[in-house]
């Protein structure tokens, strides 16, 4: 089981914060890479959380 403050969540939160800051500074296109990175980290963290921990992909 993965805790709520895993590294993927923290990285996602940091990328969202940077994207929001850049967007507020009226640089909308520069915010897109940070938003994309946040989305990627979110889904990567979700896939890690779905793992049962044995590390064996074959059943």
N, C-alpha and C. Protein backbone atom coordinates (compact mmCIF):
# COMPACT_ATOMS: atom_id res chain seq x y z
N UNK A 1 0.85 -1.18 0.00
CA UNK A 1 0.00 0.00 0.00
C UNK A 1 0.89 1.25 0.00
N UNK A 2 0.49 2.23 -0.76
CA UNK A 2 1.26 3.46 -0.89
C UNK A 2 0.56 4.56 -0.09
N UNK A 3 1.33 5.31 0.67
CA UNK A 3 0.74 6.38 1.46
C UNK A 3 0.27 7.52 0.57
N UNK A 4 -0.49 8.45 1.15
CA UNK A 4 -1.04 9.55 0.39
C UNK A 4 0.00 10.55 -0.07
N UNK A 5 1.13 10.64 0.63
CA UNK A 5 2.18 11.61 0.26
C UNK A 5 3.38 10.90 -0.36
N UNK A 6 3.11 10.11 -1.39
CA UNK A 6 4.21 9.44 -2.07
C UNK A 6 4.94 10.42 -2.99
N UNK A 7 6.11 10.08 -3.48
CA UNK A 7 6.88 11.01 -4.31
C UNK A 7 6.16 11.43 -5.59
N UNK A 8 5.35 10.55 -6.16
CA UNK A 8 4.61 10.91 -7.37
C UNK A 8 3.58 11.99 -7.08
N UNK A 9 2.90 11.88 -5.94
CA UNK A 9 1.92 12.90 -5.57
C UNK A 9 2.61 14.24 -5.31
N UNK A 10 3.73 14.20 -4.61
CA UNK A 10 4.45 15.45 -4.33
C UNK A 10 4.97 16.09 -5.61
N UNK A 11 5.49 15.28 -6.52
CA UNK A 11 5.96 15.81 -7.80
C UNK A 11 4.82 16.37 -8.63
N UNK A 12 3.69 15.68 -8.61
CA UNK A 12 2.51 16.15 -9.34
C UNK A 12 2.03 17.48 -8.76
N UNK A 13 1.99 17.58 -7.45
CA UNK A 13 1.55 18.82 -6.80
C UNK A 13 2.51 19.97 -7.13
N UNK A 14 3.80 19.69 -7.15
CA UNK A 14 4.78 20.73 -7.48
C UNK A 14 4.61 21.19 -8.93
N UNK A 15 4.41 20.25 -9.84
CA UNK A 15 4.23 20.62 -11.25
C UNK A 15 2.94 21.41 -11.46
N UNK A 16 1.89 21.05 -10.75
CA UNK A 16 0.63 21.81 -10.85
C UNK A 16 0.83 23.22 -10.32
N UNK A 17 1.58 23.35 -9.21
CA UNK A 17 1.83 24.68 -8.65
C UNK A 17 2.62 25.54 -9.62
N UNK A 18 3.64 24.96 -10.25
CA UNK A 18 4.43 25.72 -11.22
C UNK A 18 3.58 26.09 -12.43
N UNK A 19 2.76 25.14 -12.91
CA UNK A 19 1.91 25.42 -14.06
C UNK A 19 0.91 26.53 -13.75
N UNK A 20 0.33 26.52 -12.56
CA UNK A 20 -0.61 27.58 -12.18
C UNK A 20 0.10 28.93 -12.07
N UNK A 21 1.30 28.93 -11.51
CA UNK A 21 2.06 30.17 -11.40
C UNK A 21 2.38 30.75 -12.78
N UNK A 22 2.84 29.89 -13.67
CA UNK A 22 3.18 30.35 -15.02
C UNK A 22 1.92 30.81 -15.76
N UNK A 23 0.81 30.12 -15.56
CA UNK A 23 -0.44 30.51 -16.22
C UNK A 23 -0.94 31.86 -15.70
N UNK A 24 -0.80 32.08 -14.39
CA UNK A 24 -1.22 33.36 -13.81
C UNK A 24 -0.34 34.50 -14.32
N UNK A 25 0.90 34.20 -14.61
CA UNK A 25 1.80 35.23 -15.13
C UNK A 25 1.57 35.48 -16.64
N UNK A 26 0.49 34.97 -17.17
CA UNK A 26 0.04 35.18 -18.55
C UNK A 26 1.00 34.59 -19.59
N UNK A 27 1.57 33.48 -19.27
CA UNK A 27 2.43 32.74 -20.20
C UNK A 27 1.80 31.36 -20.42
N UNK A 28 0.63 31.34 -21.04
CA UNK A 28 -0.19 30.13 -21.13
C UNK A 28 0.54 28.97 -21.82
N UNK A 29 1.24 29.23 -22.91
CA UNK A 29 1.90 28.15 -23.63
C UNK A 29 3.05 27.56 -22.83
N UNK A 30 3.70 28.37 -22.00
CA UNK A 30 4.79 27.86 -21.17
C UNK A 30 4.27 26.99 -20.04
N UNK A 31 2.99 27.10 -19.71
CA UNK A 31 2.41 26.28 -18.65
C UNK A 31 2.10 24.86 -19.13
N UNK A 32 1.95 24.66 -20.43
CA UNK A 32 1.57 23.34 -20.94
C UNK A 32 2.56 22.22 -20.60
N UNK A 33 3.87 22.40 -20.74
CA UNK A 33 4.78 21.30 -20.37
C UNK A 33 4.69 20.91 -18.89
N UNK A 34 4.49 21.90 -18.03
CA UNK A 34 4.38 21.59 -16.61
C UNK A 34 3.07 20.86 -16.31
N UNK A 35 2.00 21.25 -16.98
CA UNK A 35 0.72 20.56 -16.79
C UNK A 35 0.80 19.14 -17.33
N UNK A 36 1.47 18.96 -18.44
CA UNK A 36 1.65 17.62 -19.00
C UNK A 36 2.50 16.74 -18.10
N UNK A 37 3.54 17.31 -17.52
CA UNK A 37 4.38 16.55 -16.59
C UNK A 37 3.58 16.16 -15.34
N UNK A 38 2.73 17.06 -14.86
CA UNK A 38 1.90 16.75 -13.70
C UNK A 38 0.94 15.62 -14.03
N UNK A 39 0.36 15.64 -15.21
CA UNK A 39 -0.55 14.57 -15.61
C UNK A 39 0.19 13.24 -15.74
N UNK A 40 1.37 13.27 -16.32
CA UNK A 40 2.17 12.05 -16.42
C UNK A 40 2.56 11.48 -15.07
N UNK A 41 2.97 12.34 -14.15
CA UNK A 41 3.32 11.88 -12.81
C UNK A 41 2.10 11.34 -12.08
N UNK A 42 0.93 11.94 -12.30
CA UNK A 42 -0.29 11.46 -11.67
C UNK A 42 -0.60 10.03 -12.11
N UNK A 43 -0.57 9.78 -13.42
CA UNK A 43 -0.89 8.45 -13.91
C UNK A 43 0.20 7.44 -13.56
N UNK A 44 1.45 7.87 -13.52
CA UNK A 44 2.52 6.98 -13.11
C UNK A 44 2.35 6.57 -11.65
N UNK A 45 1.99 7.52 -10.81
CA UNK A 45 1.73 7.21 -9.41
C UNK A 45 0.53 6.31 -9.23
N UNK A 46 -0.51 6.50 -10.04
CA UNK A 46 -1.69 5.64 -9.96
C UNK A 46 -1.35 4.21 -10.36
N UNK A 47 -0.49 4.05 -11.37
CA UNK A 47 -0.11 2.70 -11.78
C UNK A 47 0.75 2.03 -10.73
N UNK A 48 1.58 2.79 -10.02
CA UNK A 48 2.38 2.22 -8.95
C UNK A 48 1.51 1.81 -7.76
N UNK A 49 0.46 2.58 -7.52
CA UNK A 49 -0.43 2.28 -6.40
C UNK A 49 -1.26 1.03 -6.68
N UNK A 50 -1.57 0.76 -7.94
CA UNK A 50 -2.37 -0.40 -8.31
C UNK A 50 -1.58 -1.69 -8.19
N UNK A 51 -0.26 -1.61 -8.11
CA UNK A 51 0.59 -2.79 -8.00
C UNK A 51 0.39 -3.44 -6.65
N UNK A 52 0.36 -4.78 -6.64
CA UNK A 52 0.17 -5.49 -5.37
C UNK A 52 1.47 -5.71 -4.61
N UNK A 53 2.58 -5.33 -5.21
CA UNK A 53 3.84 -5.33 -4.48
C UNK A 53 4.73 -6.53 -4.68
N UNK A 54 4.28 -7.57 -5.37
CA UNK A 54 5.14 -8.74 -5.53
C UNK A 54 6.11 -8.60 -6.70
N UNK A 55 5.86 -7.65 -7.61
CA UNK A 55 6.78 -7.39 -8.70
C UNK A 55 6.74 -8.41 -9.82
N UNK A 56 5.83 -9.35 -9.79
CA UNK A 56 5.74 -10.37 -10.81
C UNK A 56 4.59 -10.05 -11.74
N UNK A 57 4.90 -9.77 -13.02
CA UNK A 57 3.85 -9.37 -13.96
C UNK A 57 3.07 -10.57 -14.47
N UNK A 58 3.74 -11.73 -14.54
CA UNK A 58 3.06 -12.92 -15.08
C UNK A 58 2.32 -13.65 -13.99
N UNK A 59 1.18 -14.17 -14.33
CA UNK A 59 0.38 -14.97 -13.38
C UNK A 59 0.16 -16.35 -13.92
